[in-house]
Each structure stands twice: as C-alpha cells, then as structure tokens.
C-alpha atoms as a PDB file:
ATOM      1  CA  MET A   1      -9.316   4.881  -7.374  1.00  0.00           C
ATOM      2  CA  ASP A   2      -7.884   8.304  -7.802  1.00  0.00           C
ATOM      3  CA  LYS A   3      -6.294  10.218  -5.086  1.00  0.00           C
ATOM      4  CA  PRO A   4      -8.391  13.087  -3.965  1.00  0.00           C
ATOM      5  CA  LYS A   5      -7.226  16.540  -5.132  1.00  0.00           C
ATOM      6  CA  LYS A   6      -5.697  18.654  -2.435  1.00  0.00           C
ATOM      7  CA  GLU A   7      -7.462  22.032  -2.048  1.00  0.00           C
ATOM      8  CA  PRO A   8      -5.206  24.668  -0.587  1.00  0.00           C
ATOM      9  CA  ILE A   9      -6.726  26.488   2.401  1.00  0.00           C
ATOM     10  CA  LEU A  10      -5.121  29.648   3.591  1.00  0.00           C
ATOM     11  CA  ILE A  11      -4.391  29.350   7.293  1.00  0.00           C
ATOM     12  CA  SER A  12      -5.152  32.995   7.901  1.00  0.00           C
ATOM     13  CA  GLN A  13      -8.564  32.671   6.179  1.00  0.00           C
ATOM     14  CA  ARG A  14     -11.588  31.770   8.335  1.00  0.00           C
ATOM     15  CA  GLN A  15     -12.725  28.226   7.629  1.00  0.00           C
ATOM     16  CA  ASP A  16     -16.233  26.976   7.933  1.00  0.00           C
ATOM     17  CA  TYR A  17     -15.232  24.544  10.692  1.00  0.00           C
ATOM     18  CA  ARG A  18     -13.590  24.564  14.065  1.00  0.00           C
ATOM     19  CA  LEU A  19     -10.984  22.080  15.190  1.00  0.00           C
ATOM     20  CA  CYS A  20     -11.112  20.260  18.493  1.00  0.00           C
ATOM     21  CA  LEU A  21      -8.172  21.317  20.630  1.00  0.00           C
ATOM     22  CA  ASN A  22      -8.131  17.909  22.209  1.00  0.00           C
ATOM     23  CA  CYS A  23      -8.016  15.656  19.205  1.00  0.00           C
ATOM     24  CA  GLY A  24      -7.867  17.961  16.120  1.00  0.00           C
ATOM     25  CA  PHE A  25     -11.112  16.660  14.600  1.00  0.00           C
ATOM     26  CA  PRO A  26     -12.845  19.217  12.295  1.00  0.00           C
ATOM     27  CA  ASN A  27     -16.363  20.235  13.591  1.00  0.00           C
ATOM     28  CA  ARG A  28     -19.081  22.564  12.408  1.00  0.00           C
ATOM     29  CA  ASN A  29     -19.133  26.028  13.835  1.00  0.00           C
ATOM     30  CA  SER A  30     -22.482  25.374  15.449  1.00  0.00           C
ATOM     31  CA  ASP A  31     -21.198  22.407  17.440  1.00  0.00           C
ATOM     32  CA  THR A  32     -20.495  22.846  21.177  1.00  0.00           C
ATOM     33  CA  HIS A  33     -18.952  19.409  21.651  1.00  0.00           C
ATOM     34  CA  CYS A  34     -16.479  17.509  19.487  1.00  0.00           C
ATOM     35  CA  MET A  35     -18.158  14.761  17.428  1.00  0.00           C
ATOM     36  CA  TYR A  36     -15.101  12.523  17.749  1.00  0.00           C
ATOM     37  CA  CYS A  37     -13.920  12.781  21.415  1.00  0.00           C
ATOM     38  CA  ASN A  38     -16.940  14.670  22.967  1.00  0.00           C
ATOM     39  CA  ALA A  39     -14.656  17.345  24.331  1.00  0.00           C
ATOM     40  CA  GLY A  40     -16.054  20.887  24.817  1.00  0.00           C
ATOM     41  CA  LEU A  41     -15.329  23.313  21.971  1.00  0.00           C
ATOM     42  CA  PHE A  42     -14.380  26.826  22.852  1.00  0.00           C
ATOM     43  CA  GLU A  43     -12.984  29.639  20.772  1.00  0.00           C
ATOM     44  CA  ASP A  44      -9.683  31.170  21.759  1.00  0.00           C
ATOM     45  CA  THR A  45      -8.204  34.364  20.268  1.00  0.00           C
ATOM     46  CA  GLY A  46      -4.625  35.403  19.909  1.00  0.00           C
ATOM     47  CA  LEU A  47      -1.401  34.214  18.367  1.00  0.00           C
ATOM     48  CA  PHE A  48      -0.880  31.164  20.546  1.00  0.00           C
ATOM     49  CA  SER A  49      -4.420  29.868  19.648  1.00  0.00           C
ATOM     50  CA  TRP A  50      -3.686  30.498  15.997  1.00  0.00           C
ATOM     51  CA  ILE A  51      -0.471  28.500  16.157  1.00  0.00           C
ATOM     52  CA  LYS A  52      -2.136  25.674  17.996  1.00  0.00           C
ATOM     53  CA  GLN A  53      -5.006  25.675  15.452  1.00  0.00           C
ATOM     54  CA  THR A  54      -2.571  25.530  12.540  1.00  0.00           C
ATOM     55  CA  TYR A  55      -0.685  22.636  14.264  1.00  0.00           C
ATOM     56  CA  TYR A  56      -3.904  20.700  14.631  1.00  0.00           C
ATOM     57  CA  ILE A  57      -4.900  21.268  10.976  1.00  0.00           C
ATOM     58  CA  LEU A  58      -1.487  19.970   9.758  1.00  0.00           C
ATOM     59  CA  ARG A  59      -1.518  17.052  12.173  1.00  0.00           C
ATOM     60  CA  TRP A  60      -5.001  15.946  11.206  1.00  0.00           C
ATOM     61  CA  ARG A  61      -4.227  16.085   7.482  1.00  0.00           C
ATOM     62  CA  TRP A  62      -1.037  14.104   8.058  1.00  0.00           C
ATOM     63  CA  GLN A  63      -2.919  11.398  10.021  1.00  0.00           C
ATOM     64  CA  LEU A  64      -5.560  11.144   7.341  1.00  0.00           C
ATOM     65  CA  LYS A  65      -2.808  10.776   4.666  1.00  0.00           C
ATOM     66  CA  GLN A  66      -1.053   8.124   6.733  1.00  0.00           C
ATOM     67  CA  HIS A  67      -4.232   6.224   7.199  1.00  0.00           C
ATOM     68  CA  ARG A  68      -5.058   6.412   3.531  1.00  0.00           C
ATOM     69  CA  GLU A  69      -1.616   5.225   2.493  1.00  0.00           C
ATOM     70  CA  LYS A  70      -1.622   2.382   5.057  1.00  0.00           C
ATOM     71  CA  ARG A  71      -5.029   1.251   3.737  1.00  0.00           C
ATOM     72  CA  HIS A  72      -3.868   1.110   0.070  1.00  0.00           C
ATOM     73  CA  THR A  73      -0.523  -0.617   0.811  1.00  0.00           C
ATOM     74  CA  SER A  74      -1.904  -3.389   2.931  1.00  0.00           C
ATOM     75  CA  GLY A  75      -3.896  -4.908   0.053  1.00  0.00           C
ATOM     76  CA  LYS A  76      -0.925  -4.529  -2.347  1.00  0.00           C
ATOM     77  CA  GLU A  77       1.323  -6.383   0.201  1.00  0.00           C
ATOM     78  CA  ARG A  78      -1.087  -9.364   0.425  1.00  0.00           C
ATOM     79  CA  LEU A  79      -1.415  -9.360  -3.361  1.00  0.00           C
ATOM     80  CA  SER A  80       2.324  -9.224  -3.914  1.00  0.00           C
ATOM     81  CA  LEU A  81       2.809 -12.076  -1.387  1.00  0.00           C
ATOM     82  CA  TRP A  82       0.340 -14.246  -3.228  1.00  0.00           C
ATOM     83  CA  LYS A  83       1.962 -13.318  -6.596  1.00  0.00           C
ATOM     84  CA  GLY A  84       5.394 -14.319  -5.184  1.00  0.00           C
ATOM     85  CA  VAL A  85       4.168 -17.623  -3.957  1.00  0.00           C
ATOM     86  CA  GLY A  86       2.440 -18.290  -7.236  1.00  0.00           C
ATOM     87  CA  PHE A  87       5.498 -17.385  -9.300  1.00  0.00           C
ATOM     88  CA  PHE A  88       7.731 -19.553  -6.995  1.00  0.00           C
ATOM     89  CA  LEU A  89       5.401 -22.549  -7.339  1.00  0.00           C
ATOM     90  CA  LEU A  90       5.257 -22.001 -11.142  1.00  0.00           C
ATOM     91  CA  GLY A  91       9.075 -21.682 -11.446  1.00  0.00           C
ATOM     92  CA  ALA A  92       9.696 -24.726  -9.225  1.00  0.00           C
ATOM     93  CA  GLY A  93       7.066 -26.746 -11.093  1.00  0.00           C
ATOM     94  CA  LEU A  94       8.506 -25.866 -14.546  1.00  0.00           C
ATOM     95  CA  SER A  95      12.058 -26.614 -13.454  1.00  0.00           C
ATOM     96  CA  ALA A  96      10.995 -29.977 -11.859  1.00  0.00           C
ATOM     97  CA  ALA A  97       9.000 -30.843 -15.016  1.00  0.00           C
ATOM     98  CA  GLY A  98      12.091 -29.960 -17.124  1.00  0.00           C
ATOM     99  CA  VAL A  99      14.404 -32.180 -15.110  1.00  0.00           C
ATOM    100  CA  TYR A 100      11.922 -35.092 -15.226  1.00  0.00           C
ATOM    101  CA  LEU A 101      11.388 -34.761 -18.951  1.00  0.00           C
ATOM    102  CA  PHE A 102      15.123 -34.527 -19.534  1.00  0.00           C
ATOM    103  CA  ALA A 103      15.746 -37.713 -17.627  1.00  0.00           C
ATOM    104  CA  ARG A 104      12.930 -39.404 -19.610  1.00  0.00           C
ATOM    105  CA  ALA A 105      14.348 -38.051 -22.905  1.00  0.00           C
ATOM    106  CA  LEU A 106      17.766 -39.533 -22.055  1.00  0.00           C
ATOM    107  CA  ALA A 107      16.145 -42.924 -21.171  1.00  0.00           C
ATOM    108  CA  GLU A 108      14.256 -42.951 -24.463  1.00  0.00           C
ATOM    109  CA  LYS A 109      17.043 -41.238 -26.496  1.00  0.00           C
ATOM    110  CA  SER A 110      14.652 -38.757 -27.864  1.00  0.00           C
ATOM    111  CA  PHE A 111      16.178 -35.438 -29.168  1.00  0.00           C
ATOM    112  CA  SER A 112      12.838 -33.504 -29.495  1.00  0.00           C
ATOM    113  CA  ASN A 113      11.769 -34.516 -26.009  1.00  0.00           C
ATOM    114  CA  GLY A 114      15.117 -33.380 -24.710  1.00  0.00           C
ATOM    115  CA  LEU A 115      14.715 -30.006 -26.353  1.00  0.00           C
ATOM    116  CA  MET A 116      11.308 -29.612 -24.728  1.00  0.00           C
ATOM    117  CA  SER A 117      12.619 -30.570 -21.388  1.00  0.00           C
ATOM    118  CA  VAL A 118      15.420 -28.000 -21.641  1.00  0.00           C
ATOM    119  CA  LEU A 119      12.866 -25.314 -22.585  1.00  0.00           C
ATOM    120  CA  PHE A 120      10.675 -26.219 -19.536  1.00  0.00           C
ATOM    121  CA  PHE A 121      13.684 -26.146 -17.243  1.00  0.00           C
ATOM    122  CA  PHE A 122      14.926 -22.692 -18.560  1.00  0.00           C
ATOM    123  CA  TYR A 123      11.427 -21.238 -18.272  1.00  0.00           C
ATOM    124  CA  GLY A 124      11.288 -22.323 -14.594  1.00  0.00           C
ATOM    125  CA  PHE A 125      14.894 -21.221 -13.943  1.00  0.00           C
ATOM    126  CA  PHE A 126      14.246 -17.713 -15.367  1.00  0.00           C
ATOM    127  CA  THR A 127      10.954 -17.430 -13.438  1.00  0.00           C
ATOM    128  CA  LEU A 128      12.758 -18.193 -10.232  1.00  0.00           C
ATOM    129  CA  LYS A 129      15.689 -15.910 -11.138  1.00  0.00           C
ATOM    130  CA  THR A 130      13.351 -13.063 -11.808  1.00  0.00           C
ATOM    131  CA  LEU A 131      11.396 -13.582  -8.599  1.00  0.00           C
ATOM    132  CA  LEU A 132      14.444 -13.719  -6.468  1.00  0.00           C
ATOM    133  CA  SER A 133      16.580 -10.985  -8.055  1.00  0.00           C
ATOM    134  CA  LYS A 134      13.965  -8.182  -7.907  1.00  0.00           C
ATOM    135  CA  LYS A 135      14.136  -8.019  -4.131  1.00  0.00           C
END
C-alpha cells in the first residue's frame, strides 16, 4: 500500500472546506455544524482567525499522519514478534538436534553423522546469534 501523495495547499488560498474551531475537522462550506463534534461553525475574519485556522490545519494533518503511522507499525510489530519467536524456536531446535546427533555419533563412532550434527549445531547457533545480535 503506497503512501498518499501530499498535495501542497497554500494557506493564504481559499480552500473548499472550513475547519471546525473546536476539533479541527474539515467540513464543507455549506455545513453549519461540525460533522465530527457537532459544534457550530462560524466564520471569523482577521489575522487571529487566520493563525488559528492555520494551526488547526497543521494539527489535523499531524494527527492523521500519526494515526496512519501507528496503524502501519502495529501490524509490523506483531509480525516481527512472531518472526522472532519462530527464529528462536528454529535456532534452539537445530542446536538441540545438533547436540543430540553429536552424542549419538560419538556413541556409534560415526564420522559422517558427526559432521551432520556439527552442521545442525552451527546452523542453530548462527540463527540464534543473528536473532539476538540485531537488537
């Protein structure tokens, strides 16, 4: 999912919406009450009103950006947690299998089984090392 392109809006230019002075929600020019907080909309003129309107525009955009970033990171955090648990179990399982096979290879005096057990152990060790060292 691509991030939406930001369209620059000149603050001095007249927009096709009015911002609620209570919550900052953008409303149509024809609305008399805010669609979000149901506060009355009225038009002020002057420098103070322009500064307040600009502040609400910037605050509303920042809140939308924060909400969008929070929504995208929460799924990634859960996914990375499951990936971490999976890699830990994989590394621990491979290391345990390597130790078990090495003990069996020593009991049977089998060189090829010993090599395979060392390979399993090192795969598990490097999986755990990579998982724990990236943080």
